[in-house]
Amino acid sequence: MLNFLRNSTLSTVDEKIAVLYGYANNVPTWKDKKSNIDLMTKQIPSDISSIARVRNNIEYTPWREVIGVLNSLIESMQKENYNTREIKISLEALK
C-alpha cells in the first residue's frame, strides 16, 4: 500500500512537471490566443504549491526537473514582459 501511495505521488508530480512545461512552451502564444493571462499566472503558483506539498517524497531527478522548468518558465515570461513575481516567490519557497 505504501508503495502504491508513493507511486501515485510521483505520478502527480510528473503530471505537474508536464503542465509547467506546457506553460513555458506556450508563453509566446498567450497574447495571440487571447488567453486569460491573469488567471494563468495565478494558477501557476497553485501548481507549484501542489508539488511543494510532497517535496519530501521527490527524488533528485524529478526535483531537478521541477527547478529547471520553473527557471525556463520565468525566462519565457520575462521575455514577453509578464509579471513573474509570484512564480519567483514560489520557486524560492521550494528551496
PDB file of N, CA and C in Angstrom:
ATOM      1  N   MET A   1       0.822  -1.200   0.000  1.00  0.00           N
ATOM      2  CA  MET A   1       0.000   0.000   0.000  1.00  0.00           C
ATOM      3  C   MET A   1       0.866   1.265   0.000  1.00  0.00           C
ATOM      4  N   LEU A   2       1.906   1.240   0.814  1.00  0.00           N
ATOM      5  CA  LEU A   2       2.800   2.393   0.883  1.00  0.00           C
ATOM      6  C   LEU A   2       3.461   2.654  -0.471  1.00  0.00           C
ATOM      7  N   ASN A   3       3.849   1.603  -1.149  1.00  0.00           N
ATOM      8  CA  ASN A   3       4.460   1.732  -2.469  1.00  0.00           C
ATOM      9  C   ASN A   3       3.475   2.332  -3.472  1.00  0.00           C
ATOM     10  N   PHE A   4       2.224   1.934  -3.384  1.00  0.00           N
ATOM     11  CA  PHE A   4       1.186   2.480  -4.263  1.00  0.00           C
ATOM     12  C   PHE A   4       1.039   3.987  -4.036  1.00  0.00           C
ATOM     13  N   LEU A   5       0.995   4.407  -2.783  1.00  0.00           N
ATOM     14  CA  LEU A   5       0.853   5.830  -2.468  1.00  0.00           C
ATOM     15  C   LEU A   5       2.065   6.627  -2.953  1.00  0.00           C
ATOM     16  N   ARG A   6       3.232   6.064  -2.785  1.00  0.00           N
ATOM     17  CA  ARG A   6       4.442   6.743  -3.243  1.00  0.00           C
ATOM     18  C   ARG A   6       4.422   6.896  -4.763  1.00  0.00           C
ATOM     19  N   ASN A   7       4.056   5.837  -5.466  1.00  0.00           N
ATOM     20  CA  ASN A   7       3.982   5.908  -6.927  1.00  0.00           C
ATOM     21  C   ASN A   7       2.908   6.884  -7.389  1.00  0.00           C
ATOM     22  N   SER A   8       1.800   6.949  -6.679  1.00  0.00           N
ATOM     23  CA  SER A   8       0.741   7.911  -7.010  1.00  0.00           C
ATOM     24  C   SER A   8       1.242   9.337  -6.842  1.00  0.00           C
ATOM     25  N   THR A   9       1.969   9.569  -5.768  1.00  0.00           N
ATOM     26  CA  THR A   9       2.536  10.891  -5.512  1.00  0.00           C
ATOM     27  C   THR A   9       3.506  11.280  -6.619  1.00  0.00           C
ATOM     28  N   LEU A  10       4.392  10.376  -6.971  1.00  0.00           N
ATOM     29  CA  LEU A  10       5.373  10.664  -8.017  1.00  0.00           C
ATOM     30  C   LEU A  10       4.705  10.873  -9.370  1.00  0.00           C
ATOM     31  N   SER A  11       3.638  10.151  -9.628  1.00  0.00           N
ATOM     32  CA  SER A  11       2.889  10.323 -10.866  1.00  0.00           C
ATOM     33  C   SER A  11       2.267  11.715 -10.927  1.00  0.00           C
ATOM     34  N   THR A  12       1.741  12.167  -9.807  1.00  0.00           N
ATOM     35  CA  THR A  12       1.158  13.510  -9.736  1.00  0.00           C
ATOM     36  C   THR A  12       2.224  14.568  -9.986  1.00  0.00           C
ATOM     37  N   VAL A  13       3.393  14.382  -9.425  1.00  0.00           N
ATOM     38  CA  VAL A  13       4.497  15.319  -9.647  1.00  0.00           C
ATOM     39  C   VAL A  13       4.871  15.336 -11.125  1.00  0.00           C
ATOM     40  N   ASP A  14       4.954  14.176 -11.740  1.00  0.00           N
ATOM     41  CA  ASP A  14       5.263  14.108 -13.174  1.00  0.00           C
ATOM     42  C   ASP A  14       4.223  14.859 -14.002  1.00  0.00           C
ATOM     43  N   GLU A  15       2.964  14.738 -13.626  1.00  0.00           N
ATOM     44  CA  GLU A  15       1.895  15.453 -14.334  1.00  0.00           C
ATOM     45  C   GLU A  15       2.065  16.959 -14.180  1.00  0.00           C
ATOM     46  N   LYS A  16       2.392  17.410 -12.984  1.00  0.00           N
ATOM     47  CA  LYS A  16       2.580  18.848 -12.757  1.00  0.00           C
ATOM     48  C   LYS A  16       3.789  19.365 -13.524  1.00  0.00           C
ATOM     49  N   ILE A  17       4.840  18.569 -13.603  1.00  0.00           N
ATOM     50  CA  ILE A  17       6.009  18.965 -14.388  1.00  0.00           C
ATOM     51  C   ILE A  17       5.602  19.146 -15.849  1.00  0.00           C
ATOM     52  N   ALA A  18       4.803  18.234 -16.367  1.00  0.00           N
ATOM     53  CA  ALA A  18       4.328  18.338 -17.752  1.00  0.00           C
ATOM     54  C   ALA A  18       3.489  19.597 -17.951  1.00  0.00           C
ATOM     55  N   VAL A  19       2.646  19.910 -16.981  1.00  0.00           N
ATOM     56  CA  VAL A  19       1.825  21.128 -17.055  1.00  0.00           C
ATOM     57  C   VAL A  19       2.722  22.364 -17.083  1.00  0.00           C
ATOM     58  N   LEU A  20       3.736  22.385 -16.230  1.00  0.00           N
ATOM     59  CA  LEU A  20       4.643  23.532 -16.187  1.00  0.00           C
ATOM     60  C   LEU A  20       5.425  23.669 -17.491  1.00  0.00           C
ATOM     61  N   TYR A  21       5.840  22.555 -18.087  1.00  0.00           N
ATOM     62  CA  TYR A  21       6.488  22.613 -19.401  1.00  0.00           C
ATOM     63  C   TYR A  21       5.524  23.188 -20.441  1.00  0.00           C
ATOM     64  N   GLY A  22       4.265  22.807 -20.346  1.00  0.00           N
ATOM     65  CA  GLY A  22       3.263  23.352 -21.260  1.00  0.00           C
ATOM     66  C   GLY A  22       3.147  24.860 -21.141  1.00  0.00           C
ATOM     67  N   TYR A  23       3.109  25.351 -19.903  1.00  0.00           N
ATOM     68  CA  TYR A  23       3.084  26.804 -19.698  1.00  0.00           C
ATOM     69  C   TYR A  23       4.312  27.451 -20.339  1.00  0.00           C
ATOM     70  N   ALA A  24       5.490  26.917 -20.031  1.00  0.00           N
ATOM     71  CA  ALA A  24       6.737  27.509 -20.531  1.00  0.00           C
ATOM     72  C   ALA A  24       6.764  27.541 -22.060  1.00  0.00           C
ATOM     73  N   ASN A  25       6.309  26.476 -22.691  1.00  0.00           N
ATOM     74  CA  ASN A  25       6.312  26.412 -24.156  1.00  0.00           C
ATOM     75  C   ASN A  25       5.283  27.334 -24.788  1.00  0.00           C
ATOM     76  N   ASN A  26       4.188  27.579 -24.093  1.00  0.00           N
ATOM     77  CA  ASN A  26       3.090  28.348 -24.678  1.00  0.00           C
ATOM     78  C   ASN A  26       3.100  29.832 -24.348  1.00  0.00           C
ATOM     79  N   VAL A  27       3.998  30.276 -23.505  1.00  0.00           N
ATOM     80  CA  VAL A  27       4.029  31.691 -23.118  1.00  0.00           C
ATOM     81  C   VAL A  27       4.005  32.623 -24.332  1.00  0.00           C
ATOM     82  N   PRO A  28       4.819  32.390 -25.366  1.00  0.00           N
ATOM     83  CA  PRO A  28       4.812  33.317 -26.503  1.00  0.00           C
ATOM     84  C   PRO A  28       3.462  33.403 -27.225  1.00  0.00           C
ATOM     85  N   THR A  29       2.598  32.422 -27.057  1.00  0.00           N
ATOM     86  CA  THR A  29       1.316  32.425 -27.774  1.00  0.00           C
ATOM     87  C   THR A  29       0.153  32.923 -26.916  1.00  0.00           C
ATOM     88  N   TRP A  30       0.407  33.247 -25.661  1.00  0.00           N
ATOM     89  CA  TRP A  30      -0.686  33.662 -24.776  1.00  0.00           C
ATOM     90  C   TRP A  30      -1.445  34.859 -25.340  1.00  0.00           C
ATOM     91  N   LYS A  31      -0.729  35.849 -25.826  1.00  0.00           N
ATOM     92  CA  LYS A  31      -1.396  37.049 -26.354  1.00  0.00           C
ATOM     93  C   LYS A  31      -2.181  36.729 -27.619  1.00  0.00           C
ATOM     94  N   ASP A  32      -1.607  35.887 -28.484  1.00  0.00           N
ATOM     95  CA  ASP A  32      -2.268  35.522 -29.739  1.00  0.00           C
ATOM     96  C   ASP A  32      -3.579  34.782 -29.494  1.00  0.00           C
ATOM     97  N   LYS A  33      -3.595  33.961 -28.473  1.00  0.00           N
ATOM     98  CA  LYS A  33      -4.784  33.164 -28.163  1.00  0.00           C
ATOM     99  C   LYS A  33      -5.786  33.928 -27.308  1.00  0.00           C
ATOM    100  N   LYS A  34      -5.430  35.150 -26.955  1.00  0.00           N
ATOM    101  CA  LYS A  34      -6.269  35.965 -26.070  1.00  0.00           C
ATOM    102  C   LYS A  34      -6.592  35.202 -24.788  1.00  0.00           C
ATOM    103  N   SER A  35      -5.567  34.555 -24.270  1.00  0.00           N
ATOM    104  CA  SER A  35      -5.714  33.786 -23.034  1.00  0.00           C
ATOM    105  C   SER A  35      -5.964  34.726 -21.866  1.00  0.00           C
ATOM    106  N   ASN A  36      -6.560  34.188 -20.835  1.00  0.00           N
ATOM    107  CA  ASN A  36      -6.721  34.953 -19.611  1.00  0.00           C
ATOM    108  C   ASN A  36      -5.400  34.867 -18.852  1.00  0.00           C
ATOM    109  N   ILE A  37      -4.503  35.776 -19.177  1.00  0.00           N
ATOM    110  CA  ILE A  37      -3.140  35.735 -18.665  1.00  0.00           C
ATOM    111  C   ILE A  37      -3.115  35.896 -17.154  1.00  0.00           C
ATOM    112  N   ASP A  38      -3.962  36.755 -16.629  1.00  0.00           N
ATOM    113  CA  ASP A  38      -4.002  36.956 -15.178  1.00  0.00           C
ATOM    114  C   ASP A  38      -4.377  35.662 -14.465  1.00  0.00           C
ATOM    115  N   LEU A  39      -5.371  34.971 -14.992  1.00  0.00           N
ATOM    116  CA  LEU A  39      -5.788  33.703 -14.396  1.00  0.00           C
ATOM    117  C   LEU A  39      -4.672  32.661 -14.492  1.00  0.00           C
ATOM    118  N   MET A  40      -4.018  32.602 -15.634  1.00  0.00           N
ATOM    119  CA  MET A  40      -2.947  31.619 -15.816  1.00  0.00           C
ATOM    120  C   MET A  40      -1.790  31.882 -14.864  1.00  0.00           C
ATOM    121  N   THR A  41      -1.413  33.141 -14.699  1.00  0.00           N
ATOM    122  CA  THR A  41      -0.291  33.445 -13.815  1.00  0.00           C
ATOM    123  C   THR A  41      -0.644  33.222 -12.352  1.00  0.00           C
ATOM    124  N   LYS A  42      -1.924  33.191 -12.030  1.00  0.00           N
ATOM    125  CA  LYS A  42      -2.336  32.850 -10.663  1.00  0.00           C
ATOM    126  C   LYS A  42      -2.426  31.341 -10.475  1.00  0.00           C
ATOM    127  N   GLN A  43      -2.694  30.621 -11.538  1.00  0.00           N
ATOM    128  CA  GLN A  43      -2.799  29.165 -11.469  1.00  0.00           C
ATOM    129  C   GLN A  43      -1.424  28.510 -11.333  1.00  0.00           C
ATOM    130  N   ILE A  44      -0.414  29.113 -11.908  1.00  0.00           N
ATOM    131  CA  ILE A  44       0.931  28.539 -11.883  1.00  0.00           C
ATOM    132  C   ILE A  44       1.448  28.363 -10.452  1.00  0.00           C
ATOM    133  N   PRO A  45       1.382  29.381  -9.582  1.00  0.00           N
ATOM    134  CA  PRO A  45       1.830  29.158  -8.198  1.00  0.00           C
ATOM    135  C   PRO A  45       1.035  28.058  -7.492  1.00  0.00           C
ATOM    136  N   SER A  46      -0.218  27.886  -7.857  1.00  0.00           N
ATOM    137  CA  SER A  46      -1.014  26.799  -7.290  1.00  0.00           C
ATOM    138  C   SER A  46      -0.445  25.444  -7.705  1.00  0.00           C
ATOM    139  N   ASP A  47      -0.044  25.322  -8.963  1.00  0.00           N
ATOM    140  CA  ASP A  47       0.586  24.088  -9.435  1.00  0.00           C
ATOM    141  C   ASP A  47       1.910  23.844  -8.706  1.00  0.00           C
ATOM    142  N   ILE A  48       2.655  24.909  -8.475  1.00  0.00           N
ATOM    143  CA  ILE A  48       3.921  24.786  -7.753  1.00  0.00           C
ATOM    144  C   ILE A  48       3.662  24.354  -6.309  1.00  0.00           C
ATOM    145  N   SER A  49       2.627  24.905  -5.694  1.00  0.00           N
ATOM    146  CA  SER A  49       2.288  24.537  -4.312  1.00  0.00           C
ATOM    147  C   SER A  49       1.947  23.063  -4.188  1.00  0.00           C
ATOM    148  N   SER A  50       1.274  22.525  -5.199  1.00  0.00           N
ATOM    149  CA  SER A  50       0.923  21.105  -5.132  1.00  0.00           C
ATOM    150  C   SER A  50       2.178  20.230  -5.164  1.00  0.00           C
ATOM    151  N   ILE A  51       3.204  20.684  -5.845  1.00  0.00           N
ATOM    152  CA  ILE A  51       4.482  19.963  -5.843  1.00  0.00           C
ATOM    153  C   ILE A  51       5.168  20.137  -4.489  1.00  0.00           C
ATOM    154  N   ALA A  52       5.117  21.350  -3.964  1.00  0.00           N
ATOM    155  CA  ALA A  52       5.786  21.630  -2.691  1.00  0.00           C
ATOM    156  C   ALA A  52       5.239  20.768  -1.556  1.00  0.00           C
ATOM    157  N   ARG A  53       3.957  20.454  -1.608  1.00  0.00           N
ATOM    158  CA  ARG A  53       3.349  19.647  -0.543  1.00  0.00           C
ATOM    159  C   ARG A  53       3.964  18.257  -0.428  1.00  0.00           C
ATOM    160  N   VAL A  54       4.511  17.757  -1.510  1.00  0.00           N
ATOM    161  CA  VAL A  54       5.070  16.397  -1.495  1.00  0.00           C
ATOM    162  C   VAL A  54       6.581  16.396  -1.732  1.00  0.00           C
ATOM    163  N   ARG A  55       7.211  17.530  -1.574  1.00  0.00           N
ATOM    164  CA  ARG A  55       8.628  17.637  -1.928  1.00  0.00           C
ATOM    165  C   ARG A  55       9.534  16.683  -1.167  1.00  0.00           C
ATOM    166  N   ASN A  56       9.159  16.304   0.040  1.00  0.00           N
ATOM    167  CA  ASN A  56       9.991  15.364   0.799  1.00  0.00           C
ATOM    168  C   ASN A  56      10.004  13.974   0.177  1.00  0.00           C
ATOM    169  N   ASN A  57       9.037  13.693  -0.681  1.00  0.00           N
ATOM    170  CA  ASN A  57       8.956  12.384  -1.330  1.00  0.00           C
ATOM    171  C   ASN A  57       9.523  12.381  -2.749  1.00  0.00           C
ATOM    172  N   ILE A  58      10.029  13.523  -3.187  1.00  0.00           N
ATOM    173  CA  ILE A  58      10.528  13.633  -4.555  1.00  0.00           C
ATOM    174  C   ILE A  58      12.026  13.338  -4.573  1.00  0.00           C
ATOM    175  N   GLU A  59      12.420  12.481  -5.491  1.00  0.00           N
ATOM    176  CA  GLU A  59      13.832  12.147  -5.645  1.00  0.00           C
ATOM    177  C   GLU A  59      14.548  13.257  -6.414  1.00  0.00           C
ATOM    178  N   TYR A  60      15.860  13.138  -6.491  1.00  0.00           N
ATOM    179  CA  TYR A  60      16.694  14.191  -7.064  1.00  0.00           C
ATOM    180  C   TYR A  60      16.330  14.542  -8.504  1.00  0.00           C
ATOM    181  N   THR A  61      16.187  13.557  -9.371  1.00  0.00           N
ATOM    182  CA  THR A  61      15.976  13.840 -10.794  1.00  0.00           C
ATOM    183  C   THR A  61      14.685  14.610 -11.061  1.00  0.00           C
ATOM    184  N   PRO A  62      13.527  14.170 -10.536  1.00  0.00           N
ATOM    185  CA  PRO A  62      12.326  14.974 -10.760  1.00  0.00           C
ATOM    186  C   PRO A  62      12.419  16.350 -10.092  1.00  0.00           C
ATOM    187  N   TRP A  63      13.087  16.401  -8.953  1.00  0.00           N
ATOM    188  CA  TRP A  63      13.222  17.690  -8.258  1.00  0.00           C
ATOM    189  C   TRP A  63      14.037  18.656  -9.108  1.00  0.00           C
ATOM    190  N   ARG A  64      15.117  18.156  -9.701  1.00  0.00           N
ATOM    191  CA  ARG A  64      15.950  18.967 -10.583  1.00  0.00           C
ATOM    192  C   ARG A  64      15.135  19.440 -11.785  1.00  0.00           C
ATOM    193  N   GLU A  65      14.275  18.570 -12.280  1.00  0.00           N
ATOM    194  CA  GLU A  65      13.431  18.927 -13.420  1.00  0.00           C
ATOM    195  C   GLU A  65      12.430  20.021 -13.047  1.00  0.00           C
ATOM    196  N   VAL A  66      11.877  19.946 -11.848  1.00  0.00           N
ATOM    197  CA  VAL A  66      10.950  20.984 -11.370  1.00  0.00           C
ATOM    198  C   VAL A  66      11.653  22.337 -11.362  1.00  0.00           C
ATOM    199  N   ILE A  67      12.823  22.396 -10.765  1.00  0.00           N
ATOM    200  CA  ILE A  67      13.564  23.656 -10.681  1.00  0.00           C
ATOM    201  C   ILE A  67      13.918  24.156 -12.081  1.00  0.00           C
ATOM    202  N   GLY A  68      14.344  23.260 -12.957  1.00  0.00           N
ATOM    203  CA  GLY A  68      14.700  23.647 -14.324  1.00  0.00           C
ATOM    204  C   GLY A  68      13.529  24.206 -15.109  1.00  0.00           C
ATOM    205  N   VAL A  69      12.381  23.545 -15.015  1.00  0.00           N
ATOM    206  CA  VAL A  69      11.223  24.018 -15.770  1.00  0.00           C
ATOM    207  C   VAL A  69      10.718  25.347 -15.211  1.00  0.00           C
ATOM    208  N   LEU A  70      10.810  25.546 -13.908  1.00  0.00           N
ATOM    209  CA  LEU A  70      10.390  26.832 -13.342  1.00  0.00           C
ATOM    210  C   LEU A  70      11.308  27.955 -13.805  1.00  0.00           C
ATOM    211  N   ASN A  71      12.597  27.694 -13.865  1.00  0.00           N
ATOM    212  CA  ASN A  71      13.520  28.704 -14.385  1.00  0.00           C
ATOM    213  C   ASN A  71      13.232  29.004 -15.855  1.00  0.00           C
ATOM    214  N   SER A  72      12.920  27.983 -16.643  1.00  0.00           N
ATOM    215  CA  SER A  72      12.565  28.185 -18.056  1.00  0.00           C
ATOM    216  C   SER A  72      11.277  28.985 -18.192  1.00  0.00           C
ATOM    217  N   LEU A  73      10.309  28.681 -17.341  1.00  0.00           N
ATOM    218  CA  LEU A  73       9.036  29.401 -17.363  1.00  0.00           C
ATOM    219  C   LEU A  73       9.240  30.875 -17.030  1.00  0.00           C
ATOM    220  N   ILE A  74      10.015  31.145 -15.996  1.00  0.00           N
ATOM    221  CA  ILE A  74      10.297  32.535 -15.621  1.00  0.00           C
ATOM    222  C   ILE A  74      10.983  33.258 -16.773  1.00  0.00           C
ATOM    223  N   GLU A  75      11.956  32.622 -17.383  1.00  0.00           N
ATOM    224  CA  GLU A  75      12.673  33.224 -18.507  1.00  0.00           C
ATOM    225  C   GLU A  75      11.725  33.521 -19.674  1.00  0.00           C
ATOM    226  N   SER A  76      10.865  32.573 -20.014  1.00  0.00           N
ATOM    227  CA  SER A  76       9.903  32.772 -21.108  1.00  0.00           C
ATOM    228  C   SER A  76       8.951  33.920 -20.804  1.00  0.00           C
ATOM    229  N   MET A  77       8.485  33.975 -19.570  1.00  0.00           N
ATOM    230  CA  MET A  77       7.547  35.030 -19.192  1.00  0.00           C
ATOM    231  C   MET A  77       8.219  36.397 -19.185  1.00  0.00           C
ATOM    232  N   GLN A  78       9.464  36.459 -18.744  1.00  0.00           N
ATOM    233  CA  GLN A  78      10.175  37.735 -18.733  1.00  0.00           C
ATOM    234  C   GLN A  78      10.406  38.248 -20.151  1.00  0.00           C
ATOM    235  N   LYS A  79      10.662  37.349 -21.085  1.00  0.00           N
ATOM    236  CA  LYS A  79      10.845  37.755 -22.490  1.00  0.00           C
ATOM    237  C   LYS A  79       9.592  38.417 -23.043  1.00  0.00           C
ATOM    238  N   GLU A  80       8.438  37.995 -22.540  1.00  0.00           N
ATOM    239  CA  GLU A  80       7.163  38.554 -23.003  1.00  0.00           C
ATOM    240  C   GLU A  80       6.657  39.669 -22.083  1.00  0.00           C
ATOM    241  N   ASN A  81       7.489  40.069 -21.130  1.00  0.00           N
ATOM    242  CA  ASN A  81       7.171  41.144 -20.179  1.00  0.00           C
ATOM    243  C   ASN A  81       5.987  40.832 -19.268  1.00  0.00           C
ATOM    244  N   TYR A  82       5.851  39.573 -18.876  1.00  0.00           N
ATOM    245  CA  TYR A  82       4.827  39.192 -17.906  1.00  0.00           C
ATOM    246  C   TYR A  82       5.410  39.261 -16.502  1.00  0.00           C
ATOM    247  N   ASN A  83       4.548  39.491 -15.557  1.00  0.00           N
ATOM    248  CA  ASN A  83       4.951  39.562 -14.155  1.00  0.00           C
ATOM    249  C   ASN A  83       5.279  38.158 -13.645  1.00  0.00           C
ATOM    250  N   THR A  84       6.477  37.976 -13.161  1.00  0.00           N
ATOM    251  CA  THR A  84       6.916  36.665 -12.661  1.00  0.00           C
ATOM    252  C   THR A  84       7.095  36.659 -11.143  1.00  0.00           C
ATOM    253  N   ARG A  85       6.646  37.697 -10.491  1.00  0.00           N
ATOM    254  CA  ARG A  85       6.882  37.841  -9.048  1.00  0.00           C
ATOM    255  C   ARG A  85       6.388  36.639  -8.250  1.00  0.00           C
ATOM    256  N   GLU A  86       5.134  36.246  -8.450  1.00  0.00           N
ATOM    257  CA  GLU A  86       4.560  35.141  -7.671  1.00  0.00           C
ATOM    258  C   GLU A  86       5.275  33.819  -7.949  1.00  0.00           C
ATOM    259  N   ILE A  87       5.691  33.626  -9.174  1.00  0.00           N
ATOM    260  CA  ILE A  87       6.387  32.388  -9.523  1.00  0.00           C
ATOM    261  C   ILE A  87       7.772  32.372  -8.883  1.00  0.00           C
ATOM    262  N   LYS A  88       8.443  33.519  -8.885  1.00  0.00           N
ATOM    263  CA  LYS A  88       9.753  33.600  -8.237  1.00  0.00           C
ATOM    264  C   LYS A  88       9.633  33.345  -6.735  1.00  0.00           C
ATOM    265  N   ILE A  89       8.595  33.890  -6.121  1.00  0.00           N
ATOM    266  CA  ILE A  89       8.369  33.662  -4.691  1.00  0.00           C
ATOM    267  C   ILE A  89       8.141  32.177  -4.431  1.00  0.00           C
ATOM    268  N   SER A  90       7.338  31.558  -5.270  1.00  0.00           N
ATOM    269  CA  SER A  90       7.071  30.122  -5.122  1.00  0.00           C
ATOM    270  C   SER A  90       8.343  29.306  -5.306  1.00  0.00           C
ATOM    271  N   LEU A  91       9.157  29.682  -6.273  1.00  0.00           N
ATOM    272  CA  LEU A  91      10.414  28.975  -6.518  1.00  0.00           C
ATOM    273  C   LEU A  91      11.342  29.097  -5.313  1.00  0.00           C
ATOM    274  N   GLU A  92      11.442  30.288  -4.766  1.00  0.00           N
ATOM    275  CA  GLU A  92      12.295  30.482  -3.587  1.00  0.00           C
ATOM    276  C   GLU A  92      11.793  29.673  -2.398  1.00  0.00           C
ATOM    277  N   ALA A  93      10.489  29.560  -2.268  1.00  0.00           N
ATOM    278  CA  ALA A  93       9.917  28.791  -1.155  1.00  0.00           C
ATOM    279  C   ALA A  93      10.238  27.304  -1.277  1.00  0.00           C
ATOM    280  N   LEU A  94      10.471  26.839  -2.486  1.00  0.00           N
ATOM    281  CA  LEU A  94      10.806  25.433  -2.700  1.00  0.00           C
ATOM    282  C   LEU A  94      12.221  25.097  -2.244  1.00  0.00           C
ATOM    283  N   LYS A  95      13.069  26.102  -2.206  1.00  0.00           N
ATOM    284  CA  LYS A  95      14.488  25.842  -1.897  1.00  0.00           C
ATOM    285  C   LYS A  95      14.710  25.597  -0.424  1.00  0.00           C
TER     286      LYS A  95
END
